[in-house]
Structure formats: C-alpha cells, structure tokens
C-alpha cells in the first residue's frame, strides 16, 4: 500500500484524534486525488488516534479490483 506525498503530508499535519469525516473534509480542502479520496471515504467511521492508525486502516482496506477482461481472463463457472 502506498500513498501520495500529498496525502502523507496531510496525515502528518492533521490534529488527532480525527474522525473519518475530519480526514475526508481536509483531503477535499487539500485537493487530494480522487482515488485516495475514495480510499478515505471507504474507511471505517471512527476516531483515528494518529497517522499510523490511519495508515493501518488504509493498509487493510479491501479495494475492489477492476474485472479481468480478455482472452486470459479466468472462466466463470
């Protein structure tokens, strides 16, 4: 799991504890890219105690994968 320099910078400057809505609000304000904004929005709605707490949540997040299409796609039975 990697995050952009901008998101990392935001997480370093946040005042903690911070709620999911606090993180999303500040990410929108800082114009974080849409993919990372979506990851923040998908986080559990709780209070986060610090940057590492947020990073841990993002690490274990299940991000939906795009469907595999083409001649090498596994057969669906």
N, C-alpha and C. Protein backbone atom coordinates (compact mmCIF):
# COMPACT_ATOMS: atom_id res chain seq x y z
N UNK A 1 0.85 -1.17 0.00
CA UNK A 1 0.00 0.00 0.00
C UNK A 1 0.90 1.23 0.00
N UNK A 2 0.67 2.08 -0.95
CA UNK A 2 1.42 3.32 -0.97
C UNK A 2 0.43 4.48 -1.04
N UNK A 3 0.88 5.60 -0.54
CA UNK A 3 0.06 6.81 -0.59
C UNK A 3 0.88 7.92 -1.21
N UNK A 4 0.20 8.92 -1.72
CA UNK A 4 0.89 10.03 -2.37
C UNK A 4 1.59 10.90 -1.34
N UNK A 5 2.50 11.70 -1.82
CA UNK A 5 3.20 12.66 -0.97
C UNK A 5 2.20 13.63 -0.36
N UNK A 6 1.19 14.02 -1.15
CA UNK A 6 0.18 14.98 -0.66
C UNK A 6 -0.63 14.39 0.49
N UNK A 7 -1.07 13.13 0.35
CA UNK A 7 -1.85 12.50 1.42
C UNK A 7 -0.98 12.29 2.64
N UNK A 8 0.25 11.86 2.45
CA UNK A 8 1.16 11.68 3.57
C UNK A 8 1.37 12.99 4.32
N UNK A 9 1.52 14.06 3.58
CA UNK A 9 1.69 15.39 4.17
C UNK A 9 0.45 15.79 4.96
N UNK A 10 -0.72 15.53 4.40
CA UNK A 10 -1.97 15.84 5.09
C UNK A 10 -2.07 15.07 6.40
N UNK A 11 -1.76 13.78 6.37
CA UNK A 11 -1.84 12.96 7.58
C UNK A 11 -0.86 13.42 8.65
N UNK A 12 0.28 13.93 8.23
CA UNK A 12 1.27 14.44 9.19
C UNK A 12 0.80 15.73 9.86
N UNK A 13 0.01 16.54 9.16
CA UNK A 13 -0.39 17.84 9.70
C UNK A 13 -1.76 17.84 10.37
N UNK A 14 -2.47 16.72 10.30
CA UNK A 14 -3.80 16.64 10.92
C UNK A 14 -3.68 16.73 12.44
N UNK A 15 -4.71 17.29 13.06
CA UNK A 15 -4.83 17.26 14.51
C UNK A 15 -5.56 15.98 14.88
N UNK A 16 -4.96 15.18 15.74
CA UNK A 16 -5.55 13.91 16.18
C UNK A 16 -5.95 14.03 17.63
N UNK A 17 -6.97 13.30 18.06
CA UNK A 17 -7.74 12.35 17.28
C UNK A 17 -8.57 13.04 16.21
N UNK A 18 -8.76 12.31 15.10
CA UNK A 18 -9.53 12.85 13.97
C UNK A 18 -10.53 11.79 13.51
N UNK A 19 -11.72 12.24 13.18
CA UNK A 19 -12.73 11.32 12.69
C UNK A 19 -12.54 11.11 11.19
N UNK A 20 -13.21 10.12 10.67
CA UNK A 20 -13.20 9.88 9.23
C UNK A 20 -13.66 11.13 8.50
N UNK A 21 -14.73 11.77 8.99
CA UNK A 21 -15.24 12.97 8.31
C UNK A 21 -14.24 14.11 8.37
N UNK A 22 -13.47 14.22 9.45
CA UNK A 22 -12.40 15.23 9.53
C UNK A 22 -11.35 14.98 8.44
N UNK A 23 -10.96 13.72 8.29
CA UNK A 23 -9.95 13.36 7.30
C UNK A 23 -10.44 13.64 5.88
N UNK A 24 -11.68 13.26 5.60
CA UNK A 24 -12.24 13.48 4.26
C UNK A 24 -12.36 14.98 3.98
N UNK A 25 -12.86 15.73 4.96
CA UNK A 25 -13.02 17.19 4.77
C UNK A 25 -11.69 17.84 4.44
N UNK A 26 -10.65 17.51 5.18
CA UNK A 26 -9.34 18.10 4.94
C UNK A 26 -8.73 17.63 3.62
N UNK A 27 -9.00 16.38 3.24
CA UNK A 27 -8.49 15.87 1.96
C UNK A 27 -9.15 16.62 0.80
N UNK A 28 -10.44 16.89 0.92
CA UNK A 28 -11.14 17.66 -0.12
C UNK A 28 -10.56 19.06 -0.18
N UNK A 29 -10.37 19.67 0.98
CA UNK A 29 -9.82 21.02 1.05
C UNK A 29 -8.42 21.08 0.42
N UNK A 30 -7.62 20.03 0.64
CA UNK A 30 -6.26 20.00 0.09
C UNK A 30 -6.19 19.44 -1.33
N UNK A 31 -7.35 19.14 -1.90
CA UNK A 31 -7.45 18.63 -3.28
C UNK A 31 -6.64 17.36 -3.49
N UNK A 32 -6.79 16.42 -2.57
CA UNK A 32 -6.15 15.11 -2.71
C UNK A 32 -6.79 14.40 -3.90
N UNK A 33 -6.02 13.60 -4.63
CA UNK A 33 -6.55 12.95 -5.84
C UNK A 33 -7.75 12.07 -5.52
N UNK A 34 -8.58 11.85 -6.52
CA UNK A 34 -9.86 11.16 -6.34
C UNK A 34 -9.72 9.72 -5.85
N UNK A 35 -8.70 9.02 -6.29
CA UNK A 35 -8.50 7.63 -5.87
C UNK A 35 -8.23 7.56 -4.37
N UNK A 36 -7.38 8.44 -3.87
CA UNK A 36 -7.08 8.43 -2.44
C UNK A 36 -8.24 8.99 -1.62
N UNK A 37 -8.95 9.93 -2.17
CA UNK A 37 -10.14 10.44 -1.51
C UNK A 37 -11.17 9.33 -1.35
N UNK A 38 -11.31 8.50 -2.37
CA UNK A 38 -12.23 7.36 -2.30
C UNK A 38 -11.79 6.38 -1.22
N UNK A 39 -10.49 6.17 -1.07
CA UNK A 39 -9.98 5.28 -0.01
C UNK A 39 -10.30 5.84 1.37
N UNK A 40 -10.16 7.15 1.54
CA UNK A 40 -10.51 7.76 2.82
C UNK A 40 -12.00 7.62 3.10
N UNK A 41 -12.81 7.82 2.08
CA UNK A 41 -14.26 7.71 2.25
C UNK A 41 -14.69 6.29 2.57
N UNK A 42 -13.90 5.30 2.17
CA UNK A 42 -14.22 3.89 2.41
C UNK A 42 -13.77 3.41 3.80
N UNK A 43 -13.07 4.26 4.54
CA UNK A 43 -12.59 3.88 5.87
C UNK A 43 -13.74 3.71 6.84
N UNK A 44 -13.48 2.99 7.92
CA UNK A 44 -14.48 2.80 8.97
C UNK A 44 -14.78 4.16 9.62
N UNK A 45 -16.06 4.42 9.92
CA UNK A 45 -16.44 5.69 10.55
C UNK A 45 -16.14 5.68 12.06
N UNK A 46 -14.91 6.03 12.40
CA UNK A 46 -14.50 6.06 13.80
C UNK A 46 -13.46 7.15 14.00
N UNK A 47 -12.97 7.25 15.20
CA UNK A 47 -11.94 8.23 15.52
C UNK A 47 -10.57 7.57 15.34
N UNK A 48 -9.64 8.29 14.72
CA UNK A 48 -8.30 7.78 14.48
C UNK A 48 -7.33 8.55 15.38
N UNK A 49 -6.47 7.82 16.07
CA UNK A 49 -5.60 8.42 17.08
C UNK A 49 -4.34 9.07 16.51
N UNK A 50 -3.97 8.71 15.28
CA UNK A 50 -2.78 9.29 14.69
C UNK A 50 -2.56 8.81 13.27
N UNK A 51 -1.52 9.31 12.66
CA UNK A 51 -1.19 8.98 11.27
C UNK A 51 -1.07 7.48 11.06
N UNK A 52 -0.38 6.80 11.98
CA UNK A 52 -0.18 5.36 11.82
C UNK A 52 -1.49 4.59 11.94
N UNK A 53 -2.41 5.10 12.72
CA UNK A 53 -3.73 4.49 12.84
C UNK A 53 -4.46 4.56 11.49
N UNK A 54 -4.37 5.70 10.82
CA UNK A 54 -4.99 5.87 9.50
C UNK A 54 -4.29 4.97 8.49
N UNK A 55 -2.97 4.95 8.50
CA UNK A 55 -2.22 4.12 7.56
C UNK A 55 -2.55 2.64 7.75
N UNK A 56 -2.71 2.21 8.98
CA UNK A 56 -3.07 0.82 9.27
C UNK A 56 -4.44 0.50 8.67
N UNK A 57 -5.38 1.42 8.84
CA UNK A 57 -6.72 1.24 8.27
C UNK A 57 -6.65 1.15 6.73
N UNK A 58 -5.88 2.02 6.12
CA UNK A 58 -5.75 2.00 4.66
C UNK A 58 -5.07 0.73 4.17
N UNK A 59 -4.12 0.22 4.95
CA UNK A 59 -3.39 -0.99 4.57
C UNK A 59 -4.33 -2.19 4.50
N UNK A 60 -5.25 -2.30 5.43
CA UNK A 60 -6.13 -3.47 5.50
C UNK A 60 -7.42 -3.28 4.70
N UNK A 61 -7.54 -2.16 4.06
CA UNK A 61 -8.75 -1.86 3.30
C UNK A 61 -8.84 -2.76 2.07
N UNK A 62 -10.02 -3.26 1.83
CA UNK A 62 -10.25 -4.08 0.63
C UNK A 62 -10.72 -3.16 -0.49
N UNK A 63 -9.88 -2.99 -1.48
CA UNK A 63 -10.20 -2.12 -2.61
C UNK A 63 -10.72 -3.01 -3.75
N UNK A 64 -11.92 -2.73 -4.24
CA UNK A 64 -12.45 -3.54 -5.33
C UNK A 64 -11.53 -3.50 -6.55
N UNK A 65 -11.31 -4.64 -7.12
CA UNK A 65 -10.45 -4.73 -8.30
C UNK A 65 -11.29 -4.63 -9.56
N UNK A 66 -10.72 -4.06 -10.59
CA UNK A 66 -11.39 -3.99 -11.89
C UNK A 66 -11.52 -5.41 -12.42
N UNK A 67 -12.61 -5.72 -13.09
CA UNK A 67 -12.77 -7.07 -13.64
C UNK A 67 -11.72 -7.36 -14.70
N UNK A 68 -11.28 -8.61 -14.74
CA UNK A 68 -10.32 -9.03 -15.73
C UNK A 68 -11.08 -9.33 -17.01
N UNK A 69 -10.62 -8.73 -18.10
CA UNK A 69 -11.30 -8.90 -19.38
C UNK A 69 -10.26 -9.30 -20.41
N UNK A 70 -10.59 -10.21 -21.27
CA UNK A 70 -9.68 -10.57 -22.34
C UNK A 70 -9.53 -12.07 -22.46
N UNK A 71 -8.66 -12.49 -23.37
CA UNK A 71 -8.53 -13.92 -23.63
C UNK A 71 -7.90 -14.70 -22.48
N UNK A 72 -7.25 -14.02 -21.53
CA UNK A 72 -6.62 -14.71 -20.43
C UNK A 72 -7.41 -14.61 -19.14
N UNK A 73 -8.63 -14.09 -19.22
CA UNK A 73 -9.49 -13.99 -18.04
C UNK A 73 -9.91 -15.40 -17.62
N UNK A 74 -9.94 -15.66 -16.30
CA UNK A 74 -10.36 -16.98 -15.85
C UNK A 74 -11.82 -17.22 -16.17
N UNK A 75 -12.15 -18.47 -16.47
CA UNK A 75 -13.52 -18.82 -16.80
C UNK A 75 -14.38 -18.76 -15.55
N UNK A 76 -15.59 -18.24 -15.70
CA UNK A 76 -16.53 -18.17 -14.58
C UNK A 76 -17.51 -19.32 -14.75
N UNK A 77 -17.59 -20.15 -13.73
CA UNK A 77 -18.49 -21.30 -13.85
C UNK A 77 -19.67 -21.19 -12.91
